[in-house]
Amino acid sequence: MSETHQPPIWLTLLGCGVAGLICGSPHGGFMLWMLAPFVCFWLVRCGYFFLTDARQDETKPKRARLASLKLGLWLSTIGVCLCLHLYYAKSARTAANALRAQIESYRNTHGVYPKTIAALRSPARPNRWRIMYFYHNGEPSLLYPATSIIFDTYKYNFETRQWDYWAD
């Protein structure tokens, strides 16, 4: 393959940007698995270029550098998305634990669980992470969606005092 047939770097930048927007959004982390074949392809391609360019003269190392730059961009995109999802998961759990503590404090003070979040009279904003609280038939339910996998949730078990993962 001649280096004149290399796709331009702006296509890689565009692809990384679109992939970052899709995979880096809350509940979009599962789509990082769809990037794996592309990154594996670039890894093999980059290795091939390094092996073949090492045997040739010094006029062709540009092909290997360009391929490794593109691989680095893809790996950086995946790394940033993974870091974002770690942040999302930690922030959602922190917000849910803060609301859980307020609910348990309300129960300790009043002897019953609150009927709604509004009864807590708290400035907390549970909607940032879509934290939901229900009180039905004397049973409280506190849950929030998993931040990396769509349709999965974490539900707090008030009896065992731990978060349970509910896969869809």
Protein backbone atom coordinates (compact mmCIF):
# COMPACT_ATOMS: atom_id res chain seq x y z
CA MET A 1 0.00 0.00 0.00
CA SER A 2 1.42 3.33 -0.95
CA GLU A 3 1.43 6.15 1.55
CA THR A 4 -0.57 8.26 -0.89
CA HIS A 5 -3.52 5.90 -0.30
CA GLN A 6 -3.51 6.44 3.46
CA PRO A 7 -6.79 7.89 4.73
CA PRO A 8 -6.23 11.42 6.02
CA ILE A 9 -5.81 12.01 9.75
CA TRP A 10 -8.91 14.21 9.90
CA LEU A 11 -11.08 11.14 9.24
CA THR A 12 -9.57 9.47 12.29
CA LEU A 13 -10.12 12.62 14.33
CA LEU A 14 -13.73 12.75 13.17
CA GLY A 15 -14.23 9.06 13.98
CA CYS A 16 -12.69 9.46 17.43
CA GLY A 17 -14.86 12.50 18.10
CA VAL A 18 -18.08 10.76 17.12
CA ALA A 19 -17.11 7.60 19.02
CA GLY A 20 -16.21 9.72 22.05
CA LEU A 21 -19.56 11.49 22.00
CA ILE A 22 -21.50 8.25 21.68
CA CYS A 23 -19.46 6.04 24.01
CA GLY A 24 -18.64 8.77 26.51
CA SER A 25 -22.24 9.71 27.22
CA PRO A 26 -23.93 8.33 30.32
CA HIS A 27 -25.38 4.86 29.64
CA GLY A 28 -23.26 4.53 26.49
CA GLY A 29 -20.26 2.73 27.94
CA PHE A 30 -21.36 -0.65 26.63
CA MET A 31 -20.71 0.65 23.13
CA LEU A 32 -16.98 0.73 23.84
CA TRP A 33 -17.07 -2.97 22.94
CA MET A 34 -18.00 -1.94 19.42
CA LEU A 35 -14.72 -0.01 19.16
CA ALA A 36 -12.66 -3.09 20.06
CA PRO A 37 -12.55 -4.56 16.51
CA PHE A 38 -11.38 -1.24 15.07
CA VAL A 39 -8.66 -0.85 17.68
CA CYS A 40 -7.54 -4.47 17.15
CA PHE A 41 -7.40 -3.78 13.41
CA TRP A 42 -5.25 -0.69 13.98
CA LEU A 43 -3.01 -2.61 16.36
CA VAL A 44 -2.37 -5.34 13.78
CA ARG A 45 -1.97 -2.80 10.98
CA CYS A 46 0.42 -0.69 13.00
CA GLY A 47 2.50 -3.78 13.83
CA TYR A 48 2.59 -4.75 10.17
CA PHE A 49 3.78 -1.28 9.18
CA PHE A 50 6.52 -1.33 11.78
CA LEU A 51 7.75 -4.74 10.61
CA THR A 52 7.66 -3.94 6.90
CA ASP A 53 9.02 -0.41 7.23
CA ALA A 54 11.93 -1.64 9.34
CA ARG A 55 13.18 -3.69 6.39
CA GLN A 56 12.97 -0.84 3.91
CA ASP A 57 14.86 2.37 3.55
CA GLU A 58 14.36 5.41 5.76
CA THR A 59 12.03 7.15 3.31
CA LYS A 60 8.96 5.13 4.36
CA PRO A 61 8.73 5.40 8.17
CA LYS A 62 5.99 8.02 7.73
CA ARG A 63 3.44 5.24 7.14
CA ALA A 64 4.24 3.58 10.47
CA ARG A 65 4.19 6.92 12.32
CA LEU A 66 0.81 7.84 10.86
CA ALA A 67 -0.66 4.43 11.74
CA SER A 68 0.70 4.62 15.30
CA LEU A 69 -0.66 8.17 15.66
CA LYS A 70 -4.10 6.94 14.63
CA LEU A 71 -3.83 4.01 17.04
CA GLY A 72 -2.87 6.42 19.79
CA LEU A 73 -5.89 8.58 19.04
CA TRP A 74 -8.23 5.59 19.24
CA LEU A 75 -6.64 4.36 22.48
CA SER A 76 -6.88 7.87 23.94
CA THR A 77 -10.55 8.07 22.99
CA ILE A 78 -11.23 4.76 24.72
CA GLY A 79 -9.22 5.83 27.76
CA VAL A 80 -11.11 9.11 28.10
CA CYS A 81 -14.45 7.28 27.76
CA LEU A 82 -13.45 4.77 30.44
CA CYS A 83 -12.41 7.58 32.79
CA LEU A 84 -15.70 9.38 32.15
CA HIS A 85 -17.67 6.25 33.01
CA LEU A 86 -15.67 5.77 36.22
CA TYR A 87 -16.53 9.35 37.13
CA TYR A 88 -20.20 8.83 36.24
CA ALA A 89 -20.41 5.65 38.34
CA LYS A 90 -18.71 7.22 41.34
CA SER A 91 -20.78 10.42 41.16
CA ALA A 92 -24.08 8.56 40.77
CA ARG A 93 -23.28 6.28 43.73
CA THR A 94 -22.24 9.25 45.86
CA ALA A 95 -25.48 11.09 45.07
CA ALA A 96 -27.55 7.95 45.68
CA ASN A 97 -25.78 7.32 49.00
CA ALA A 98 -26.44 10.91 50.06
CA LEU A 99 -30.14 10.48 49.34
CA ARG A 100 -30.14 7.07 51.06
CA ALA A 101 -28.62 8.66 54.17
CA GLN A 102 -31.33 11.33 54.17
CA ILE A 103 -34.05 8.69 53.80
CA GLU A 104 -32.64 6.64 56.68
CA SER A 105 -32.25 9.76 58.80
CA TYR A 106 -35.90 10.61 58.11
CA ARG A 107 -36.91 7.10 59.13
CA ASN A 108 -34.89 7.32 62.36
CA THR A 109 -36.46 10.68 63.20
CA HIS A 110 -40.09 9.99 62.21
CA GLY A 111 -40.29 6.21 62.55
CA VAL A 112 -41.49 5.71 58.96
CA TYR A 113 -39.96 6.09 55.54
CA PRO A 114 -40.87 9.25 53.62
CA LYS A 115 -43.63 8.93 51.06
CA THR A 116 -41.76 11.07 48.50
CA ILE A 117 -38.38 12.72 48.12
CA ALA A 118 -40.08 16.09 48.58
CA ALA A 119 -40.89 15.08 52.17
CA LEU A 120 -37.18 15.20 52.94
CA ARG A 121 -37.10 18.95 52.22
CA SER A 122 -33.60 18.54 50.89
CA PRO A 123 -31.77 20.72 48.39
CA ALA A 124 -30.31 17.55 46.81
CA ARG A 125 -30.95 17.07 43.10
CA PRO A 126 -31.49 13.34 42.51
CA ASN A 127 -32.51 13.95 38.90
CA ARG A 128 -28.92 14.59 37.80
CA TRP A 129 -28.31 10.82 37.91
CA ARG A 130 -31.99 9.86 37.54
CA ILE A 131 -32.22 8.56 41.09
CA MET A 132 -35.73 7.35 41.83
CA TYR A 133 -37.47 6.80 45.14
CA PHE A 134 -40.81 5.06 45.56
CA TYR A 135 -42.81 4.19 48.63
CA HIS A 136 -45.44 1.56 47.92
CA ASN A 137 -47.27 -0.75 50.35
CA GLY A 138 -44.97 0.22 53.20
CA GLU A 139 -41.84 -0.69 51.23
CA PRO A 140 -39.30 1.94 50.15
CA SER A 141 -37.48 1.57 46.84
CA LEU A 142 -34.41 3.59 45.99
CA LEU A 143 -32.76 2.98 42.64
CA TYR A 144 -30.71 4.57 39.93
CA PRO A 145 -29.66 3.44 36.45
CA ALA A 146 -26.21 2.02 35.85
CA THR A 147 -24.12 4.68 34.18
CA SER A 148 -22.36 2.48 31.64
CA ILE A 149 -24.99 -0.04 30.58
CA ILE A 150 -28.39 1.03 29.40
CA PHE A 151 -31.44 -0.56 31.13
CA ASP A 152 -29.44 -1.90 34.12
CA THR A 153 -30.05 -0.46 37.57
CA TYR A 154 -28.79 -0.44 41.13
CA LYS A 155 -31.42 -0.83 43.82
CA TYR A 156 -30.80 -0.23 47.48
CA ASN A 157 -31.94 -2.99 49.80
CA PHE A 158 -33.00 -1.31 53.03
CA GLU A 159 -33.00 -4.62 54.92
CA THR A 160 -29.44 -5.69 54.10
CA ARG A 161 -28.21 -2.10 53.68
CA GLN A 162 -26.43 -2.72 50.40
CA TRP A 163 -26.80 -1.90 46.73
CA ASP A 164 -28.01 -4.72 44.49
CA TYR A 165 -27.25 -4.77 40.77
CA TRP A 166 -30.23 -5.54 38.55
CA ALA A 167 -29.23 -6.55 35.06
CA ASP A 168 -31.83 -6.27 32.33
